[in-house]
């Protein structure tokens, strides 16, 4: 099993941006603000620190995220950490930690959500018959084919 899995809870800082690759593959990006708050026992004052993570979704999940999520939404994100490195035009080296999203969903701690299953070609379950063949997942899906999404 890959030891590079992370789950974070935070707020989306801006509406997800949906793009398509030259090959037509959907990709959505959003930034997640994750707050940490603790009591500093030396002066009995609350301290707060915020970390920002660039999150990337692909394929149907990207389209669903762009349609369902918006700025301020509190979400749970599970995925793989990825470090991106680059050099500025001035020659300064930069890096950023991001998350390649495997799963994303709304936090129900302070909100409610309504879930609708998307109908997909060849997916009888989404049409309401109560049967299905693994949720209409396409090639490249990592879970076993007999696993139902919900």
C-alpha atoms as a PDB file:
ATOM      1  CA  UNK A   1       0.000   0.000   0.000  1.00  0.00           C
ATOM      2  CA  UNK A   2       1.180   3.490  -0.813  1.00  0.00           C
ATOM      3  CA  UNK A   3       2.284   5.375   2.318  1.00  0.00           C
ATOM      4  CA  UNK A   4       1.607   8.737   0.678  1.00  0.00           C
ATOM      5  CA  UNK A   5      -2.076   9.109   1.561  1.00  0.00           C
ATOM      6  CA  UNK A   6      -3.432  12.158   3.341  1.00  0.00           C
ATOM      7  CA  UNK A   7      -6.894  13.250   4.475  1.00  0.00           C
ATOM      8  CA  UNK A   8      -7.510  16.907   5.254  1.00  0.00           C
ATOM      9  CA  UNK A   9     -10.542  18.998   6.165  1.00  0.00           C
ATOM     10  CA  UNK A  10     -10.714  22.628   5.167  1.00  0.00           C
ATOM     11  CA  UNK A  11     -12.476  25.381   3.270  1.00  0.00           C
ATOM     12  CA  UNK A  12     -12.252  26.001  -0.466  1.00  0.00           C
ATOM     13  CA  UNK A  13     -10.727  29.449  -1.043  1.00  0.00           C
ATOM     14  CA  UNK A  14     -12.269  30.052  -4.505  1.00  0.00           C
ATOM     15  CA  UNK A  15     -14.659  28.312  -6.889  1.00  0.00           C
ATOM     16  CA  UNK A  16     -13.039  25.232  -8.491  1.00  0.00           C
ATOM     17  CA  UNK A  17     -11.570  25.934 -11.922  1.00  0.00           C
ATOM     18  CA  UNK A  18     -12.544  23.359 -14.564  1.00  0.00           C
ATOM     19  CA  UNK A  19     -10.260  22.858 -17.570  1.00  0.00           C
ATOM     20  CA  UNK A  20      -9.833  20.235 -20.255  1.00  0.00           C
ATOM     21  CA  UNK A  21      -6.582  18.752 -21.534  1.00  0.00           C
ATOM     22  CA  UNK A  22      -5.810  18.696 -25.262  1.00  0.00           C
ATOM     23  CA  UNK A  23      -7.100  15.103 -25.251  1.00  0.00           C
ATOM     24  CA  UNK A  24     -10.422  16.179 -23.718  1.00  0.00           C
ATOM     25  CA  UNK A  25      -9.718  14.966 -20.162  1.00  0.00           C
ATOM     26  CA  UNK A  26     -11.501  17.058 -17.481  1.00  0.00           C
ATOM     27  CA  UNK A  27      -9.346  18.527 -14.691  1.00  0.00           C
ATOM     28  CA  UNK A  28     -10.459  20.742 -11.815  1.00  0.00           C
ATOM     29  CA  UNK A  29      -8.276  22.663  -9.392  1.00  0.00           C
ATOM     30  CA  UNK A  30      -9.116  24.351  -6.140  1.00  0.00           C
ATOM     31  CA  UNK A  31      -7.170  25.575  -3.138  1.00  0.00           C
ATOM     32  CA  UNK A  32      -7.998  24.256   0.300  1.00  0.00           C
ATOM     33  CA  UNK A  33      -7.317  26.317   3.442  1.00  0.00           C
ATOM     34  CA  UNK A  34      -6.693  24.072   6.457  1.00  0.00           C
ATOM     35  CA  UNK A  35      -6.731  25.840   9.818  1.00  0.00           C
ATOM     36  CA  UNK A  36      -5.003  24.669  12.971  1.00  0.00           C
ATOM     37  CA  UNK A  37      -5.856  26.323  16.284  1.00  0.00           C
ATOM     38  CA  UNK A  38      -4.222  25.674  19.653  1.00  0.00           C
ATOM     39  CA  UNK A  39      -3.803  27.200  23.096  1.00  0.00           C
ATOM     40  CA  UNK A  40      -0.320  28.575  23.762  1.00  0.00           C
ATOM     41  CA  UNK A  41       0.205  27.568  27.406  1.00  0.00           C
ATOM     42  CA  UNK A  42       3.041  30.086  27.898  1.00  0.00           C
ATOM     43  CA  UNK A  43       0.724  33.106  27.547  1.00  0.00           C
ATOM     44  CA  UNK A  44      -2.741  31.443  27.614  1.00  0.00           C
ATOM     45  CA  UNK A  45      -3.635  32.834  24.192  1.00  0.00           C
ATOM     46  CA  UNK A  46      -5.132  31.050  21.224  1.00  0.00           C
ATOM     47  CA  UNK A  47      -2.811  30.688  18.242  1.00  0.00           C
ATOM     48  CA  UNK A  48      -3.872  29.937  14.697  1.00  0.00           C
ATOM     49  CA  UNK A  49      -2.025  28.747  11.628  1.00  0.00           C
ATOM     50  CA  UNK A  50      -3.400  28.202   8.118  1.00  0.00           C
ATOM     51  CA  UNK A  51      -1.916  25.911   5.474  1.00  0.00           C
ATOM     52  CA  UNK A  52      -2.966  26.061   1.827  1.00  0.00           C
ATOM     53  CA  UNK A  53      -3.056  23.036  -0.471  1.00  0.00           C
ATOM     54  CA  UNK A  54      -3.554  23.064  -4.234  1.00  0.00           C
ATOM     55  CA  UNK A  55      -5.991  20.208  -4.977  1.00  0.00           C
ATOM     56  CA  UNK A  56      -6.402  18.549  -8.389  1.00  0.00           C
ATOM     57  CA  UNK A  57      -9.285  16.297  -9.489  1.00  0.00           C
ATOM     58  CA  UNK A  58      -9.558  14.416 -12.781  1.00  0.00           C
ATOM     59  CA  UNK A  59     -12.243  13.039 -15.117  1.00  0.00           C
ATOM     60  CA  UNK A  60     -15.856  12.797 -13.894  1.00  0.00           C
ATOM     61  CA  UNK A  61     -14.820  13.791 -10.384  1.00  0.00           C
ATOM     62  CA  UNK A  62     -13.421  17.050 -11.778  1.00  0.00           C
ATOM     63  CA  UNK A  63     -16.709  17.876 -13.483  1.00  0.00           C
ATOM     64  CA  UNK A  64     -18.722  16.934 -10.375  1.00  0.00           C
ATOM     65  CA  UNK A  65     -16.457  19.006  -8.110  1.00  0.00           C
ATOM     66  CA  UNK A  66     -16.692  22.060 -10.375  1.00  0.00           C
ATOM     67  CA  UNK A  67     -20.479  21.772 -10.435  1.00  0.00           C
ATOM     68  CA  UNK A  68     -20.997  20.966  -6.746  1.00  0.00           C
ATOM     69  CA  UNK A  69     -18.353  22.885  -4.801  1.00  0.00           C
ATOM     70  CA  UNK A  70     -17.904  26.612  -4.366  1.00  0.00           C
ATOM     71  CA  UNK A  71     -15.845  29.122  -2.456  1.00  0.00           C
ATOM     72  CA  UNK A  72     -16.221  28.664   1.293  1.00  0.00           C
ATOM     73  CA  UNK A  73     -17.459  25.071   1.129  1.00  0.00           C
ATOM     74  CA  UNK A  74     -16.007  22.957   3.935  1.00  0.00           C
ATOM     75  CA  UNK A  75     -14.827  19.668   2.451  1.00  0.00           C
ATOM     76  CA  UNK A  76     -12.956  16.485   3.279  1.00  0.00           C
ATOM     77  CA  UNK A  77     -10.238  15.650   0.776  1.00  0.00           C
ATOM     78  CA  UNK A  78      -8.376  12.364   0.602  1.00  0.00           C
ATOM     79  CA  UNK A  79      -5.547  11.845  -1.826  1.00  0.00           C
ATOM     80  CA  UNK A  80      -1.831  11.693  -2.476  1.00  0.00           C
ATOM     81  CA  UNK A  81       0.652  14.420  -1.623  1.00  0.00           C
ATOM     82  CA  UNK A  82       2.619  15.774  -4.556  1.00  0.00           C
ATOM     83  CA  UNK A  83       5.401  18.348  -4.438  1.00  0.00           C
ATOM     84  CA  UNK A  84       5.763  20.649  -7.421  1.00  0.00           C
ATOM     85  CA  UNK A  85       9.067  22.479  -7.956  1.00  0.00           C
ATOM     86  CA  UNK A  86       9.914  25.311 -10.326  1.00  0.00           C
ATOM     87  CA  UNK A  87      12.301  28.169 -10.824  1.00  0.00           C
ATOM     88  CA  UNK A  88      11.181  31.802 -11.170  1.00  0.00           C
ATOM     89  CA  UNK A  89      12.429  33.966 -14.051  1.00  0.00           C
ATOM     90  CA  UNK A  90      14.771  35.579 -11.481  1.00  0.00           C
ATOM     91  CA  UNK A  91      16.325  32.168 -10.740  1.00  0.00           C
ATOM     92  CA  UNK A  92      14.695  31.626  -7.320  1.00  0.00           C
ATOM     93  CA  UNK A  93      13.729  28.042  -6.565  1.00  0.00           C
ATOM     94  CA  UNK A  94      10.138  27.505  -5.400  1.00  0.00           C
ATOM     95  CA  UNK A  95       8.085  24.508  -4.336  1.00  0.00           C
ATOM     96  CA  UNK A  96       4.514  23.818  -3.337  1.00  0.00           C
ATOM     97  CA  UNK A  97       2.780  20.824  -1.762  1.00  0.00           C
ATOM     98  CA  UNK A  98      -0.454  19.801  -3.442  1.00  0.00           C
ATOM     99  CA  UNK A  99      -2.938  16.953  -3.271  1.00  0.00           C
ATOM    100  CA  UNK A 100      -3.906  14.658  -6.151  1.00  0.00           C
ATOM    101  CA  UNK A 101      -7.499  14.070  -5.051  1.00  0.00           C
ATOM    102  CA  UNK A 102      -8.841  10.523  -4.793  1.00  0.00           C
ATOM    103  CA  UNK A 103     -12.033  11.490  -2.932  1.00  0.00           C
ATOM    104  CA  UNK A 104     -13.702  14.793  -2.060  1.00  0.00           C
ATOM    105  CA  UNK A 105     -16.971  15.495  -0.311  1.00  0.00           C
ATOM    106  CA  UNK A 106     -18.739  18.106   1.778  1.00  0.00           C
ATOM    107  CA  UNK A 107     -18.233  18.158   5.526  1.00  0.00           C
ATOM    108  CA  UNK A 108     -21.527  17.601   7.351  1.00  0.00           C
ATOM    109  CA  UNK A 109     -20.269  18.978  10.651  1.00  0.00           C
ATOM    110  CA  UNK A 110     -22.014  22.338  10.206  1.00  0.00           C
ATOM    111  CA  UNK A 111     -23.991  21.799   7.003  1.00  0.00           C
ATOM    112  CA  UNK A 112     -26.293  19.422   5.181  1.00  0.00           C
ATOM    113  CA  UNK A 113     -25.895  18.075   1.668  1.00  0.00           C
ATOM    114  CA  UNK A 114     -28.062  16.421  -0.931  1.00  0.00           C
ATOM    115  CA  UNK A 115     -26.366  13.779  -3.076  1.00  0.00           C
ATOM    116  CA  UNK A 116     -27.463  12.971  -6.603  1.00  0.00           C
ATOM    117  CA  UNK A 117     -25.950  10.161  -8.573  1.00  0.00           C
ATOM    118  CA  UNK A 118     -25.011  11.100 -12.148  1.00  0.00           C
ATOM    119  CA  UNK A 119     -26.487   8.972 -14.905  1.00  0.00           C
ATOM    120  CA  UNK A 120     -23.808   7.453 -17.119  1.00  0.00           C
ATOM    121  CA  UNK A 121     -23.983   5.456 -20.307  1.00  0.00           C
ATOM    122  CA  UNK A 122     -24.669   1.792 -19.506  1.00  0.00           C
ATOM    123  CA  UNK A 123     -25.342   2.524 -15.822  1.00  0.00           C
ATOM    124  CA  UNK A 124     -28.752   1.092 -14.859  1.00  0.00           C
ATOM    125  CA  UNK A 125     -28.167   1.885 -11.154  1.00  0.00           C
ATOM    126  CA  UNK A 126     -28.187   5.641 -11.793  1.00  0.00           C
ATOM    127  CA  UNK A 127     -31.417   5.267 -13.762  1.00  0.00           C
ATOM    128  CA  UNK A 128     -33.091   4.018 -10.597  1.00  0.00           C
ATOM    129  CA  UNK A 129     -33.425   0.261 -11.199  1.00  0.00           C
ATOM    130  CA  UNK A 130     -31.344  -0.579  -8.117  1.00  0.00           C
ATOM    131  CA  UNK A 131     -28.848  -2.707 -10.016  1.00  0.00           C
ATOM    132  CA  UNK A 132     -25.559  -1.748 -11.510  1.00  0.00           C
ATOM    133  CA  UNK A 133     -22.168  -2.853 -12.653  1.00  0.00           C
ATOM    134  CA  UNK A 134     -19.820  -0.967 -10.371  1.00  0.00           C
ATOM    135  CA  UNK A 135     -21.115   2.554 -10.885  1.00  0.00           C
ATOM    136  CA  UNK A 136     -20.212   3.059 -14.547  1.00  0.00           C
ATOM    137  CA  UNK A 137     -16.547   3.651 -13.788  1.00  0.00           C
ATOM    138  CA  UNK A 138     -14.194   3.929 -16.696  1.00  0.00           C
ATOM    139  CA  UNK A 139     -10.704   2.588 -17.242  1.00  0.00           C
ATOM    140  CA  UNK A 140      -8.071   3.668 -14.761  1.00  0.00           C
ATOM    141  CA  UNK A 141     -10.296   3.444 -11.696  1.00  0.00           C
ATOM    142  CA  UNK A 142      -8.215   1.930  -8.874  1.00  0.00           C
ATOM    143  CA  UNK A 143     -10.935   0.191  -6.804  1.00  0.00           C
ATOM    144  CA  UNK A 144     -12.156  -3.361  -7.334  1.00  0.00           C
ATOM    145  CA  UNK A 145     -14.862  -3.631 -10.031  1.00  0.00           C
ATOM    146  CA  UNK A 146     -17.402  -5.156  -7.602  1.00  0.00           C
ATOM    147  CA  UNK A 147     -17.253  -2.207  -5.185  1.00  0.00           C
ATOM    148  CA  UNK A 148     -20.364  -0.011  -5.224  1.00  0.00           C
ATOM    149  CA  UNK A 149     -19.808   3.708  -4.495  1.00  0.00           C
ATOM    150  CA  UNK A 150     -22.794   3.932  -2.105  1.00  0.00           C
END
